[in-house]
PDB file of N, CA and C in Angstrom:
ATOM      1  N   MET A   1      -3.254 -51.308  14.757  1.00  0.00           N
ATOM      2  CA  MET A   1      -3.721 -52.264  15.596  1.00  0.00           C
ATOM      3  C   MET A   1      -3.891 -53.143  14.294  1.00  0.00           C
ATOM      4  N   ALA A   2      -4.089 -54.846  13.864  1.00  0.00           N
ATOM      5  CA  ALA A   2      -5.162 -55.401  12.750  1.00  0.00           C
ATOM      6  C   ALA A   2      -6.909 -56.103  13.640  1.00  0.00           C
ATOM      7  N   LYS A   3      -7.261 -55.433  12.590  1.00  0.00           N
ATOM      8  CA  LYS A   3      -9.126 -56.410  13.224  1.00  0.00           C
ATOM      9  C   LYS A   3      -8.735 -57.670  12.496  1.00  0.00           C
ATOM     10  N   ARG A   4      -9.130 -58.289  13.176  1.00  0.00           N
ATOM     11  CA  ARG A   4      -8.717 -59.551  13.664  1.00  0.00           C
ATOM     12  C   ARG A   4     -10.774 -60.507  13.331  1.00  0.00           C
ATOM     13  N   ILE A   5     -10.171 -61.555  11.999  1.00  0.00           N
ATOM     14  CA  ILE A   5     -11.584 -62.231  11.564  1.00  0.00           C
ATOM     15  C   ILE A   5     -11.495 -63.586  11.268  1.00  0.00           C
ATOM     16  N   LEU A   6     -12.704 -63.860  11.634  1.00  0.00           N
ATOM     17  CA  LEU A   6     -12.981 -65.713  12.389  1.00  0.00           C
ATOM     18  C   LEU A   6     -13.592 -65.950  10.920  1.00  0.00           C
ATOM     19  N   ILE A   7     -13.228 -66.826   9.759  1.00  0.00           N
ATOM     20  CA  ILE A   7     -14.232 -67.890   9.071  1.00  0.00           C
ATOM     21  C   ILE A   7     -14.381 -68.573   9.367  1.00  0.00           C
ATOM     22  N   ALA A   8     -16.122 -68.920   9.726  1.00  0.00           N
ATOM     23  CA  ALA A   8     -16.254 -70.189   9.942  1.00  0.00           C
ATOM     24  C   ALA A   8     -16.848 -70.834   8.161  1.00  0.00           C
ATOM     25  N   ASP A   9     -16.664 -71.925   7.499  1.00  0.00           N
ATOM     26  CA  ASP A   9     -17.649 -72.282   6.750  1.00  0.00           C
ATOM     27  C   ASP A   9     -16.992 -73.343   6.851  1.00  0.00           C
ATOM     28  N   ASP A  10     -18.325 -74.649   5.668  1.00  0.00           N
ATOM     29  CA  ASP A  10     -17.794 -76.034   6.028  1.00  0.00           C
ATOM     30  C   ASP A  10     -17.484 -76.368   4.563  1.00  0.00           C
ATOM     31  N   SER A  11     -16.823 -75.527   3.827  1.00  0.00           N
ATOM     32  CA  SER A  11     -16.048 -75.461   3.049  1.00  0.00           C
ATOM     33  C   SER A  11     -14.533 -75.669   2.866  1.00  0.00           C
ATOM     34  N   VAL A  12     -13.683 -76.019   3.195  1.00  0.00           N
ATOM     35  CA  VAL A  12     -12.236 -75.813   2.535  1.00  0.00           C
ATOM     36  C   VAL A  12     -11.433 -74.803   2.002  1.00  0.00           C
ATOM     37  N   ASN A  13     -12.645 -74.994   0.761  1.00  0.00           N
ATOM     38  CA  ASN A  13     -12.451 -74.552  -0.902  1.00  0.00           C
ATOM     39  C   ASN A  13     -12.784 -73.458  -0.309  1.00  0.00           C
ATOM     40  N   VAL A  14     -13.927 -72.746   0.258  1.00  0.00           N
ATOM     41  CA  VAL A  14     -14.631 -71.530   0.310  1.00  0.00           C
ATOM     42  C   VAL A  14     -13.337 -70.811   1.175  1.00  0.00           C
ATOM     43  N   ARG A  15     -13.583 -70.961   2.430  1.00  0.00           N
ATOM     44  CA  ARG A  15     -12.478 -70.907   3.479  1.00  0.00           C
ATOM     45  C   ARG A  15     -10.907 -69.911   2.570  1.00  0.00           C
ATOM     46  N   GLY A  16     -10.424 -70.972   1.531  1.00  0.00           N
ATOM     47  CA  GLY A  16      -9.379 -70.511   1.734  1.00  0.00           C
ATOM     48  C   GLY A  16      -9.952 -69.513   0.278  1.00  0.00           C
ATOM     49  N   VAL A  17     -10.863 -69.446   0.352  1.00  0.00           N
ATOM     50  CA  VAL A  17     -11.072 -68.170  -1.172  1.00  0.00           C
ATOM     51  C   VAL A  17     -11.178 -66.776  -0.334  1.00  0.00           C
ATOM     52  N   ILE A  18     -11.415 -67.107   0.471  1.00  0.00           N
ATOM     53  CA  ILE A  18     -12.362 -65.887   1.329  1.00  0.00           C
ATOM     54  C   ILE A  18     -10.251 -65.414   2.375  1.00  0.00           C
ATOM     55  N   ARG A  19     -10.264 -66.133   2.630  1.00  0.00           N
ATOM     56  CA  ARG A  19      -8.640 -66.264   2.832  1.00  0.00           C
ATOM     57  C   ARG A  19      -8.044 -65.240   2.016  1.00  0.00           C
ATOM     58  N   ALA A  20      -7.728 -65.927   0.840  1.00  0.00           N
ATOM     59  CA  ALA A  20      -6.885 -65.126  -0.151  1.00  0.00           C
ATOM     60  C   ALA A  20      -7.589 -63.722  -1.042  1.00  0.00           C
ATOM     61  N   LEU A  21      -8.303 -63.545  -0.763  1.00  0.00           N
ATOM     62  CA  LEU A  21      -8.918 -62.057  -0.963  1.00  0.00           C
ATOM     63  C   LEU A  21      -8.719 -61.225  -0.070  1.00  0.00           C
ATOM     64  N   LEU A  22      -8.708 -61.817   1.340  1.00  0.00           N
ATOM     65  CA  LEU A  22      -8.077 -60.503   2.353  1.00  0.00           C
ATOM     66  C   LEU A  22      -7.089 -60.625   2.726  1.00  0.00           C
ATOM     67  N   ALA A  23      -5.823 -61.821   2.314  1.00  0.00           N
ATOM     68  CA  ALA A  23      -4.394 -61.252   2.405  1.00  0.00           C
ATOM     69  C   ALA A  23      -4.111 -60.156   2.330  1.00  0.00           C
ATOM     70  N   ASN A  24      -4.542 -59.682   0.941  1.00  0.00           N
ATOM     71  CA  ASN A  24      -3.668 -58.789   0.885  1.00  0.00           C
ATOM     72  C   ASN A  24      -4.143 -57.011   1.437  1.00  0.00           C
ATOM     73  N   VAL A  25      -5.099 -57.287   1.968  1.00  0.00           N
ATOM     74  CA  VAL A  25      -5.684 -56.089   2.790  1.00  0.00           C
ATOM     75  C   VAL A  25      -4.823 -55.845   4.247  1.00  0.00           C
ATOM     76  N   VAL A  26      -4.481 -54.716   4.198  1.00  0.00           N
ATOM     77  CA  VAL A  26      -3.832 -53.887   4.977  1.00  0.00           C
ATOM     78  C   VAL A  26      -4.729 -53.749   6.675  1.00  0.00           C
ATOM     79  N   ASP A  27      -4.155 -54.236   6.986  1.00  0.00           N
ATOM     80  CA  ASP A  27      -4.861 -53.998   9.223  1.00  0.00           C
ATOM     81  C   ASP A  27      -5.471 -54.874   8.970  1.00  0.00           C
ATOM     82  N   ILE A  28      -6.023 -56.591   8.769  1.00  0.00           N
ATOM     83  CA  ILE A  28      -6.543 -57.571   8.854  1.00  0.00           C
ATOM     84  C   ILE A  28      -5.572 -58.794   9.413  1.00  0.00           C
ATOM     85  N   GLU A  29      -6.209 -59.643   9.875  1.00  0.00           N
ATOM     86  CA  GLU A  29      -5.766 -60.670  10.433  1.00  0.00           C
ATOM     87  C   GLU A  29      -6.501 -61.724  10.860  1.00  0.00           C
ATOM     88  N   ILE A  30      -6.408 -62.686   9.731  1.00  0.00           N
ATOM     89  CA  ILE A  30      -7.153 -63.910  10.214  1.00  0.00           C
ATOM     90  C   ILE A  30      -6.846 -64.246  11.559  1.00  0.00           C
ATOM     91  N   CYS A  31      -7.418 -64.555  12.510  1.00  0.00           N
ATOM     92  CA  CYS A  31      -7.532 -64.980  13.387  1.00  0.00           C
ATOM     93  C   CYS A  31      -7.748 -66.411  13.965  1.00  0.00           C
ATOM     94  N   GLY A  32      -8.485 -66.872  13.106  1.00  0.00           N
ATOM     95  CA  GLY A  32      -9.263 -68.264  13.173  1.00  0.00           C
ATOM     96  C   GLY A  32     -10.153 -69.006  12.158  1.00  0.00           C
ATOM     97  N   GLU A  33     -10.299 -70.022  11.954  1.00  0.00           N
ATOM     98  CA  GLU A  33     -11.188 -70.477  10.760  1.00  0.00           C
ATOM     99  C   GLU A  33     -12.005 -71.497  11.849  1.00  0.00           C
ATOM    100  N   ALA A  34     -13.364 -71.829  10.885  1.00  0.00           N
ATOM    101  CA  ALA A  34     -14.169 -73.113  11.856  1.00  0.00           C
ATOM    102  C   ALA A  34     -15.015 -74.079  10.598  1.00  0.00           C
ATOM    103  N   GLY A  35     -14.944 -75.058  10.592  1.00  0.00           N
ATOM    104  CA  GLY A  35     -15.618 -75.997   9.665  1.00  0.00           C
ATOM    105  C   GLY A  35     -17.144 -76.057   9.817  1.00  0.00           C
ATOM    106  N   ASP A  36     -17.627 -75.742  11.012  1.00  0.00           N
ATOM    107  CA  ASP A  36     -18.840 -76.565  11.675  1.00  0.00           C
ATOM    108  C   ASP A  36     -19.204 -75.302  12.523  1.00  0.00           C
ATOM    109  N   GLY A  37     -20.690 -75.752  13.032  1.00  0.00           N
ATOM    110  CA  GLY A  37     -21.027 -74.157  13.517  1.00  0.00           C
ATOM    111  C   GLY A  37     -20.532 -74.578  15.157  1.00  0.00           C
ATOM    112  N   LEU A  38     -20.626 -75.850  15.194  1.00  0.00           N
ATOM    113  CA  LEU A  38     -20.376 -75.799  17.235  1.00  0.00           C
ATOM    114  C   LEU A  38     -18.940 -75.170  17.014  1.00  0.00           C
ATOM    115  N   ASP A  39     -17.909 -75.670  16.347  1.00  0.00           N
ATOM    116  CA  ASP A  39     -16.368 -75.114  15.876  1.00  0.00           C
ATOM    117  C   ASP A  39     -16.433 -73.579  16.181  1.00  0.00           C
ATOM    118  N   ALA A  40     -17.862 -73.319  15.192  1.00  0.00           N
ATOM    119  CA  ALA A  40     -17.330 -71.778  15.093  1.00  0.00           C
ATOM    120  C   ALA A  40     -18.140 -71.165  16.684  1.00  0.00           C
ATOM    121  N   VAL A  41     -18.625 -71.610  17.676  1.00  0.00           N
ATOM    122  CA  VAL A  41     -19.278 -71.017  18.493  1.00  0.00           C
ATOM    123  C   VAL A  41     -18.073 -70.569  19.057  1.00  0.00           C
ATOM    124  N   LYS A  42     -17.351 -71.852  19.529  1.00  0.00           N
ATOM    125  CA  LYS A  42     -16.181 -71.530  20.523  1.00  0.00           C
ATOM    126  C   LYS A  42     -15.044 -71.407  20.184  1.00  0.00           C
ATOM    127  N   GLN A  43     -14.367 -71.231  18.930  1.00  0.00           N
ATOM    128  CA  GLN A  43     -13.529 -70.348  18.422  1.00  0.00           C
ATOM    129  C   GLN A  43     -13.956 -68.866  18.616  1.00  0.00           C
ATOM    130  N   ILE A  44     -15.479 -68.807  18.080  1.00  0.00           N
ATOM    131  CA  ILE A  44     -15.658 -67.645  18.107  1.00  0.00           C
ATOM    132  C   ILE A  44     -15.727 -66.375  20.262  1.00  0.00           C
ATOM    133  N   ILE A  45     -15.745 -67.221  20.796  1.00  0.00           N
ATOM    134  CA  ILE A  45     -16.031 -67.558  22.426  1.00  0.00           C
ATOM    135  C   ILE A  45     -14.568 -66.666  22.520  1.00  0.00           C
ATOM    136  N   LYS A  46     -13.667 -68.189  22.232  1.00  0.00           N
ATOM    137  CA  LYS A  46     -12.165 -67.648  22.750  1.00  0.00           C
ATOM    138  C   LYS A  46     -11.452 -67.086  21.917  1.00  0.00           C
ATOM    139  N   LEU A  47     -11.508 -66.527  20.901  1.00  0.00           N
ATOM    140  CA  LEU A  47     -11.019 -65.562  20.097  1.00  0.00           C
ATOM    141  C   LEU A  47     -10.663 -63.964  19.909  1.00  0.00           C
ATOM    142  N   LYS A  48     -12.495 -64.267  20.417  1.00  0.00           N
ATOM    143  CA  LYS A  48     -13.323 -62.599  20.266  1.00  0.00           C
ATOM    144  C   LYS A  48     -12.557 -61.918  19.135  1.00  0.00           C
ATOM    145  N   PRO A  49     -12.840 -62.323  17.770  1.00  0.00           N
ATOM    146  CA  PRO A  49     -12.646 -61.825  16.576  1.00  0.00           C
ATOM    147  C   PRO A  49     -13.429 -60.154  16.735  1.00  0.00           C
ATOM    148  N   ASP A  50     -13.104 -59.333  15.905  1.00  0.00           N
ATOM    149  CA  ASP A  50     -13.608 -58.172  15.295  1.00  0.00           C
ATOM    150  C   ASP A  50     -14.713 -58.638  14.636  1.00  0.00           C
ATOM    151  N   LEU A  51     -14.110 -59.538  13.571  1.00  0.00           N
ATOM    152  CA  LEU A  51     -15.555 -59.942  13.056  1.00  0.00           C
ATOM    153  C   LEU A  51     -15.618 -61.214  12.624  1.00  0.00           C
ATOM    154  N   VAL A  52     -17.095 -61.973  11.771  1.00  0.00           N
ATOM    155  CA  VAL A  52     -17.270 -63.277  11.714  1.00  0.00           C
ATOM    156  C   VAL A  52     -17.744 -63.545  10.807  1.00  0.00           C
ATOM    157  N   LEU A  53     -17.081 -64.069   9.512  1.00  0.00           N
ATOM    158  CA  LEU A  53     -17.294 -64.201   8.318  1.00  0.00           C
ATOM    159  C   LEU A  53     -18.361 -65.898   8.111  1.00  0.00           C
ATOM    160  N   LEU A  54     -19.058 -65.775   8.716  1.00  0.00           N
ATOM    161  CA  LEU A  54     -20.197 -67.136   8.687  1.00  0.00           C
ATOM    162  C   LEU A  54     -21.220 -67.300   8.117  1.00  0.00           C
ATOM    163  N   ASP A  55     -20.991 -68.781   7.189  1.00  0.00           N
ATOM    164  CA  ASP A  55     -21.956 -69.490   6.307  1.00  0.00           C
ATOM    165  C   ASP A  55     -23.566 -70.496   6.901  1.00  0.00           C
ATOM    166  N   LEU A  56     -24.256 -69.751   6.007  1.00  0.00           N
ATOM    167  CA  LEU A  56     -25.192 -69.888   6.836  1.00  0.00           C
ATOM    168  C   LEU A  56     -25.615 -71.830   6.962  1.00  0.00           C
ATOM    169  N   SER A  57     -25.481 -71.998   6.241  1.00  0.00           N
ATOM    170  CA  SER A  57     -25.570 -73.700   5.773  1.00  0.00           C
ATOM    171  C   SER A  57     -24.240 -74.477   6.441  1.00  0.00           C
ATOM    172  N   MET A  58     -24.596 -75.015   7.441  1.00  0.00           N
ATOM    173  CA  MET A  58     -22.916 -76.255   7.990  1.00  0.00           C
ATOM    174  C   MET A  58     -23.411 -77.060   8.898  1.00  0.00           C
ATOM    175  N   PRO A  59     -22.978 -78.168   9.253  1.00  0.00           N
ATOM    176  CA  PRO A  59     -22.893 -79.310   9.592  1.00  0.00           C
ATOM    177  C   PRO A  59     -23.411 -78.706  11.644  1.00  0.00           C
ATOM    178  N   ARG A  60     -23.990 -79.205  12.616  1.00  0.00           N
ATOM    179  CA  ARG A  60     -23.572 -79.335  13.613  1.00  0.00           C
ATOM    180  C   ARG A  60     -24.351 -78.123  14.306  1.00  0.00           C
ATOM    181  N   MET A  61     -24.052 -76.777  14.021  1.00  0.00           N
ATOM    182  CA  MET A  61     -24.960 -75.816  14.307  1.00  0.00           C
ATOM    183  C   MET A  61     -25.691 -74.757  12.625  1.00  0.00           C
ATOM    184  N   ASN A  62     -25.965 -74.190  12.745  1.00  0.00           N
ATOM    185  CA  ASN A  62     -26.168 -73.399  10.939  1.00  0.00           C
ATOM    186  C   ASN A  62     -26.067 -72.060  11.580  1.00  0.00           C
ATOM    187  N   GLY A  63     -25.368 -71.562  11.096  1.00  0.00           N
ATOM    188  CA  GLY A  63     -25.015 -70.052  10.691  1.00  0.00           C
ATOM    189  C   GLY A  63     -26.148 -69.124  11.793  1.00  0.00           C
ATOM    190  N   ALA A  64     -27.247 -69.043  11.473  1.00  0.00           N
ATOM    191  CA  ALA A  64     -28.147 -68.448  11.989  1.00  0.00           C
ATOM    192  C   ALA A  64     -28.788 -68.775  13.472  1.00  0.00           C
ATOM    193  N   GLU A  65     -28.066 -70.129  13.931  1.00  0.00           N
ATOM    194  CA  GLU A  65     -27.901 -70.205  15.372  1.00  0.00           C
ATOM    195  C   GLU A  65     -26.589 -69.692  16.153  1.00  0.00           C
ATOM    196  N   VAL A  66     -25.433 -70.097  15.138  1.00  0.00           N
ATOM    197  CA  VAL A  66     -24.020 -69.440  15.388  1.00  0.00           C
ATOM    198  C   VAL A  66     -24.545 -67.671  15.541  1.00  0.00           C
ATOM    199  N   ALA A  67     -24.916 -66.966  15.163  1.00  0.00           N
ATOM    200  CA  ALA A  67     -25.120 -66.150  15.372  1.00  0.00           C
ATOM    201  C   ALA A  67     -25.909 -65.333  16.253  1.00  0.00           C
ATOM    202  N   SER A  68     -26.813 -66.319  16.750  1.00  0.00           N
ATOM    203  CA  SER A  68     -27.779 -65.831  17.591  1.00  0.00           C
ATOM    204  C   SER A  68     -27.113 -65.911  19.028  1.00  0.00           C
ATOM    205  N   VAL A  69     -26.550 -66.735  19.170  1.00  0.00           N
ATOM    206  CA  VAL A  69     -25.803 -67.270  20.044  1.00  0.00           C
ATOM    207  C   VAL A  69     -23.940 -66.290  20.431  1.00  0.00           C
ATOM    208  N   VAL A  70     -23.499 -66.151  19.460  1.00  0.00           N
ATOM    209  CA  VAL A  70     -22.312 -65.082  19.023  1.00  0.00           C
ATOM    210  C   VAL A  70     -23.217 -63.826  19.857  1.00  0.00           C
ATOM    211  N   LYS A  71     -24.255 -63.308  18.948  1.00  0.00           N
ATOM    212  CA  LYS A  71     -24.437 -62.028  19.096  1.00  0.00           C
ATOM    213  C   LYS A  71     -25.453 -61.751  21.081  1.00  0.00           C
ATOM    214  N   HIS A  72     -25.743 -62.999  21.533  1.00  0.00           N
ATOM    215  CA  HIS A  72     -26.203 -62.573  23.096  1.00  0.00           C
ATOM    216  C   HIS A  72     -24.848 -62.864  24.023  1.00  0.00           C
ATOM    217  N   ASN A  73     -23.423 -63.926  23.497  1.00  0.00           N
ATOM    218  CA  ASN A  73     -22.460 -63.373  24.680  1.00  0.00           C
ATOM    219  C   ASN A  73     -21.194 -62.023  24.094  1.00  0.00           C
ATOM    220  N   ILE A  74     -21.105 -61.880  22.947  1.00  0.00           N
ATOM    221  CA  ILE A  74     -20.226 -60.939  22.306  1.00  0.00           C
ATOM    222  C   ILE A  74     -21.190 -60.035  21.860  1.00  0.00           C
ATOM    223  N   PRO A  75     -22.441 -59.072  22.073  1.00  0.00           N
ATOM    224  CA  PRO A  75     -23.353 -58.094  21.136  1.00  0.00           C
ATOM    225  C   PRO A  75     -22.343 -57.345  19.831  1.00  0.00           C
ATOM    226  N   LYS A  76     -21.439 -56.976  20.081  1.00  0.00           N
ATOM    227  CA  LYS A  76     -19.654 -55.730  19.671  1.00  0.00           C
ATOM    228  C   LYS A  76     -19.080 -56.823  18.867  1.00  0.00           C
ATOM    229  N   VAL A  77     -19.456 -58.401  18.801  1.00  0.00           N
ATOM    230  CA  VAL A  77     -18.977 -58.733  17.128  1.00  0.00           C
ATOM    231  C   VAL A  77     -19.613 -58.484  16.254  1.00  0.00           C
ATOM    232  N   LEU A  78     -19.003 -57.899  15.265  1.00  0.00           N
ATOM    233  CA  LEU A  78     -19.505 -57.926  13.423  1.00  0.00           C
ATOM    234  C   LEU A  78     -19.813 -59.588  12.621  1.00  0.00           C
ATOM    235  N   ILE A  79     -21.280 -59.781  12.408  1.00  0.00           N
ATOM    236  CA  ILE A  79     -21.253 -60.636  11.492  1.00  0.00           C
ATOM    237  C   ILE A  79     -22.001 -60.354   9.993  1.00  0.00           C
ATOM    238  N   VAL A  80     -20.408 -61.345   9.586  1.00  0.00           N
ATOM    239  CA  VAL A  80     -21.423 -61.013   8.213  1.00  0.00           C
ATOM    240  C   VAL A  80     -21.493 -62.647   7.863  1.00  0.00           C
ATOM    241  N   LEU A  81     -23.232 -63.161   7.209  1.00  0.00           N
ATOM    242  CA  LEU A  81     -24.003 -64.236   7.016  1.00  0.00           C
ATOM    243  C   LEU A  81     -23.303 -64.588   5.681  1.00  0.00           C
ATOM    244  N   PHE A  82     -22.924 -65.560   5.007  1.00  0.00           N
ATOM    245  CA  PHE A  82     -22.969 -65.685   3.481  1.00  0.00           C
ATOM    246  C   PHE A  82     -23.927 -67.087   3.367  1.00  0.00           C
ATOM    247  N   THR A  83     -24.974 -66.184   1.902  1.00  0.00           N
ATOM    248  CA  THR A  83     -25.996 -67.549   1.762  1.00  0.00           C
ATOM    249  C   THR A  83     -26.066 -68.766   0.494  1.00  0.00           C
ATOM    250  N   MET A  84     -26.620 -69.215   0.290  1.00  0.00           N
ATOM    251  CA  MET A  84     -27.519 -69.006  -1.022  1.00  0.00           C
ATOM    252  C   MET A  84     -28.317 -68.581  -1.358  1.00  0.00           C
ATOM    253  N   TYR A  85     -28.788 -68.586  -0.460  1.00  0.00           N
ATOM    254  CA  TYR A  85     -30.734 -67.859  -0.177  1.00  0.00           C
ATOM    255  C   TYR A  85     -30.774 -66.219  -0.199  1.00  0.00           C
ATOM    256  N   SER A  86     -30.266 -66.049  -0.011  1.00  0.00           N
ATOM    257  CA  SER A  86     -29.790 -64.362   0.219  1.00  0.00           C
ATOM    258  C   SER A  86     -31.100 -63.544   0.077  1.00  0.00           C
ATOM    259  N   ALA A  87     -31.462 -63.822  -1.526  1.00  0.00           N
ATOM    260  CA  ALA A  87     -32.622 -62.861  -1.977  1.00  0.00           C
ATOM    261  C   ALA A  87     -33.497 -63.471  -1.442  1.00  0.00           C
ATOM    262  N   HIS A  88     -33.617 -64.213  -0.363  1.00  0.00           N
ATOM    263  CA  HIS A  88     -34.986 -64.992  -0.517  1.00  0.00           C
ATOM    264  C   HIS A  88     -34.975 -64.184   1.273  1.00  0.00           C
ATOM    265  N   PHE A  89     -33.828 -64.870   1.783  1.00  0.00           N
ATOM    266  CA  PHE A  89     -34.195 -65.078   3.252  1.00  0.00           C
ATOM    267  C   PHE A  89     -33.163 -63.561   4.395  1.00  0.00           C
ATOM    268  N   GLY A  90     -32.222 -62.911   3.227  1.00  0.00           N
ATOM    269  CA  GLY A  90     -31.717 -61.802   3.668  1.00  0.00           C
ATOM    270  C   GLY A  90     -32.094 -61.241   4.818  1.00  0.00           C
ATOM    271  N   PRO A  91     -32.867 -60.480   4.197  1.00  0.00           N
ATOM    272  CA  PRO A  91     -33.486 -59.825   4.961  1.00  0.00           C
ATOM    273  C   PRO A  91     -34.645 -59.979   6.114  1.00  0.00           C
ATOM    274  N   SER A  92     -34.540 -61.140   6.256  1.00  0.00           N
ATOM    275  CA  SER A  92     -35.288 -62.035   7.820  1.00  0.00           C
ATOM    276  C   SER A  92     -34.246 -62.334   8.483  1.00  0.00           C
ATOM    277  N   ILE A  93     -33.561 -63.398   7.842  1.00  0.00           N
ATOM    278  CA  ILE A  93     -32.747 -63.338   9.259  1.00  0.00           C
ATOM    279  C   ILE A  93     -31.528 -62.141   9.469  1.00  0.00           C
ATOM    280  N   LYS A  94     -31.724 -61.298   8.508  1.00  0.00           N
ATOM    281  CA  LYS A  94     -30.959 -60.189   9.518  1.00  0.00           C
ATOM    282  C   LYS A  94     -31.191 -59.723  10.396  1.00  0.00           C
ATOM    283  N   SER A  95     -32.571 -59.469  10.322  1.00  0.00           N
ATOM    284  CA  SER A  95     -33.910 -58.609  11.797  1.00  0.00           C
ATOM    285  C   SER A  95     -34.148 -59.729  12.576  1.00  0.00           C
ATOM    286  N   ALA A  96     -33.524 -60.842  12.550  1.00  0.00           N
ATOM    287  CA  ALA A  96     -34.174 -62.139  13.231  1.00  0.00           C
ATOM    288  C   ALA A  96     -33.621 -62.372  14.314  1.00  0.00           C
ATOM    289  N   VAL A  97     -31.806 -62.637  13.971  1.00  0.00           N
ATOM    290  CA  VAL A  97     -30.884 -63.533  14.493  1.00  0.00           C
ATOM    291  C   VAL A  97     -29.277 -62.012  14.857  1.00  0.00           C
ATOM    292  N   GLY A  98     -29.778 -60.782  13.942  1.00  0.00           N
ATOM    293  CA  GLY A  98     -28.628 -59.178  14.355  1.00  0.00           C
ATOM    294  C   GLY A  98     -27.420 -59.265  13.819  1.00  0.00           C
ATOM    295  N   VAL A  99     -27.086 -59.949  12.627  1.00  0.00           N
ATOM    296  CA  VAL A  99     -25.992 -59.990  11.856  1.00  0.00           C
ATOM    297  C   VAL A  99     -26.193 -58.718  10.722  1.00  0.00           C
ATOM    298  N   ASP A 100     -25.188 -58.439  11.081  1.00  0.00           N
ATOM    299  CA  ASP A 100     -24.748 -56.822  10.806  1.00  0.00           C
ATOM    300  C   ASP A 100     -24.779 -56.869   8.742  1.00  0.00           C
ATOM    301  N   VAL A 101     -24.655 -58.212   8.146  1.00  0.00           N
ATOM    302  CA  VAL A 101     -24.474 -58.146   6.439  1.00  0.00           C
ATOM    303  C   VAL A 101     -24.938 -59.898   6.717  1.00  0.00           C
ATOM    304  N   VAL A 102     -25.647 -59.447   4.860  1.00  0.00           N
ATOM    305  CA  VAL A 102     -26.076 -60.941   4.333  1.00  0.00           C
ATOM    306  C   VAL A 102     -25.783 -61.111   3.476  1.00  0.00           C
ATOM    307  N   LEU A 103     -24.924 -61.283   2.613  1.00  0.00           N
ATOM    308  CA  LEU A 103     -24.182 -61.831   1.052  1.00  0.00           C
ATOM    309  C   LEU A 103     -24.645 -63.126   0.353  1.00  0.00           C
ATOM    310  N   SER A 104     -24.961 -63.291  -0.306  1.00  0.00           N
ATOM    311  CA  SER A 104     -24.505 -64.263  -1.484  1.00  0.00           C
ATOM    312  C   SER A 104     -23.666 -64.750  -1.756  1.00  0.00           C
ATOM    313  N   LYS A 105     -23.450 -66.146  -1.355  1.00  0.00           N
ATOM    314  CA  LYS A 105     -22.295 -66.607  -1.802  1.00  0.00           C
ATOM    315  C   LYS A 105     -21.866 -66.368  -3.411  1.00  0.00           C
ATOM    316  N   PRO A 106     -23.144 -66.278  -4.200  1.00  0.00           N
ATOM    317  CA  PRO A 106     -22.732 -66.651  -5.793  1.00  0.00           C
ATOM    318  C   PRO A 106     -22.049 -64.768  -6.051  1.00  0.00           C
ATOM    319  N   ASP A 107     -22.735 -63.668  -5.461  1.00  0.00           N
ATOM    320  CA  ASP A 107     -22.500 -62.546  -5.528  1.00  0.00           C
ATOM    321  C   ASP A 107     -21.998 -61.896  -4.894  1.00  0.00           C
ATOM    322  N   GLY A 108     -21.783 -62.306  -3.467  1.00  0.00           N
ATOM    323  CA  GLY A 108     -20.885 -61.891  -2.948  1.00  0.00           C
ATOM    324  C   GLY A 108     -19.554 -61.786  -2.631  1.00  0.00           C
ATOM    325  N   MET A 109     -18.498 -62.670  -3.340  1.00  0.00           N
ATOM    326  CA  MET A 109     -17.482 -62.293  -3.202  1.00  0.00           C
ATOM    327  C   MET A 109     -16.761 -61.846  -3.411  1.00  0.00           C
ATOM    328  N   SER A 110     -17.742 -61.093  -4.821  1.00  0.00           N
ATOM    329  CA  SER A 110     -17.056 -59.892  -5.001  1.00  0.00           C
ATOM    330  C   SER A 110     -17.251 -58.238  -4.759  1.00  0.00           C
ATOM    331  N   GLN A 111     -18.216 -58.643  -3.759  1.00  0.00           N
ATOM    332  CA  GLN A 111     -18.230 -57.621  -2.773  1.00  0.00           C
ATOM    333  C   GLN A 111     -18.260 -57.726  -1.048  1.00  0.00           C
ATOM    334  N   LEU A 112     -17.248 -58.611  -0.895  1.00  0.00           N
ATOM    335  CA  LEU A 112     -16.791 -59.206   0.377  1.00  0.00           C
ATOM    336  C   LEU A 112     -15.501 -57.856   0.555  1.00  0.00           C
ATOM    337  N   VAL A 113     -14.082 -57.792   0.211  1.00  0.00           N
ATOM    338  CA  VAL A 113     -13.286 -56.766   0.881  1.00  0.00           C
ATOM    339  C   VAL A 113     -13.987 -55.848   1.101  1.00  0.00           C
ATOM    340  N   GLN A 114     -14.836 -55.030   0.467  1.00  0.00           N
ATOM    341  CA  GLN A 114     -15.354 -53.318   0.242  1.00  0.00           C
ATOM    342  C   GLN A 114     -16.385 -53.765   2.054  1.00  0.00           C
ATOM    343  N   CYS A 115     -16.840 -54.802   2.016  1.00  0.00           N
ATOM    344  CA  CYS A 115     -18.266 -54.884   2.841  1.00  0.00           C
ATOM    345  C   CYS A 115     -17.304 -55.134   4.162  1.00  0.00           C
ATOM    346  N   VAL A 116     -15.792 -55.716   4.397  1.00  0.00           N
ATOM    347  CA  VAL A 116     -15.021 -56.274   5.693  1.00  0.00           C
ATOM    348  C   VAL A 116     -14.555 -54.845   6.000  1.00  0.00           C
ATOM    349  N   LYS A 117     -14.402 -54.542   4.628  1.00  0.00           N
ATOM    350  CA  LYS A 117     -13.237 -52.721   4.449  1.00  0.00           C
ATOM    351  C   LYS A 117     -14.112 -52.206   5.852  1.00  0.00           C
ATOM    352  N   GLY A 118     -15.822 -51.472   4.894  1.00  0.00           N
ATOM    353  CA  GLY A 118     -16.867 -50.879   5.412  1.00  0.00           C
ATOM    354  C   GLY A 118     -17.380 -50.842   6.640  1.00  0.00           C
ATOM    355  N   LEU A 119     -17.632 -52.271   7.527  1.00  0.00           N
ATOM    356  CA  LEU A 119     -17.965 -52.813   8.752  1.00  0.00           C
ATOM    357  C   LEU A 119     -16.963 -52.485   9.325  1.00  0.00           C
ATOM    358  N   LEU A 120     -15.505 -52.736   9.264  1.00  0.00           N
ATOM    359  CA  LEU A 120     -14.540 -52.085  10.349  1.00  0.00           C
ATOM    360  C   LEU A 120     -14.419 -50.934  10.180  1.00  0.00           C
ATOM    361  N   ALA A 121     -14.294 -50.409   9.246  1.00  0.00           N
ATOM    362  CA  ALA A 121     -14.197 -48.480   9.630  1.00  0.00           C
ATOM    363  C   ALA A 121     -15.273 -48.138  10.291  1.00  0.00           C
ATOM    364  N   ALA A 122     -16.251 -48.601  10.350  1.00  0.00           N
ATOM    365  CA  ALA A 122     -17.759 -47.744  10.933  1.00  0.00           C
ATOM    366  C   ALA A 122     -16.814 -47.753  12.586  1.00  0.00           C
TER     367      ALA A 122
END
């Protein structure tokens, strides 16, 4: 059975790049997308994905707020947080809101597929 992933980013282009990177990965299904934090929470609770790819900087709720709400309601969901600031804030965000991995957007796209595969294989 395919593992379900939800992509939450306010940039349509970034969501498209992520979708394209994961399109050929076996046993992964993109079950939904969200363009802001509030919609992300609603979609995650409704669709119950196995993993969420979550942008830190989004309108209506930022990624840290989304991660906190989601982990409270669905503790087993895996969360990969994307940020432009991971070198400075990554470790503190990871422990504060309980995300599984923090990747920087400039560097993380090349690591995304391996990261997702590793998390879902565990």
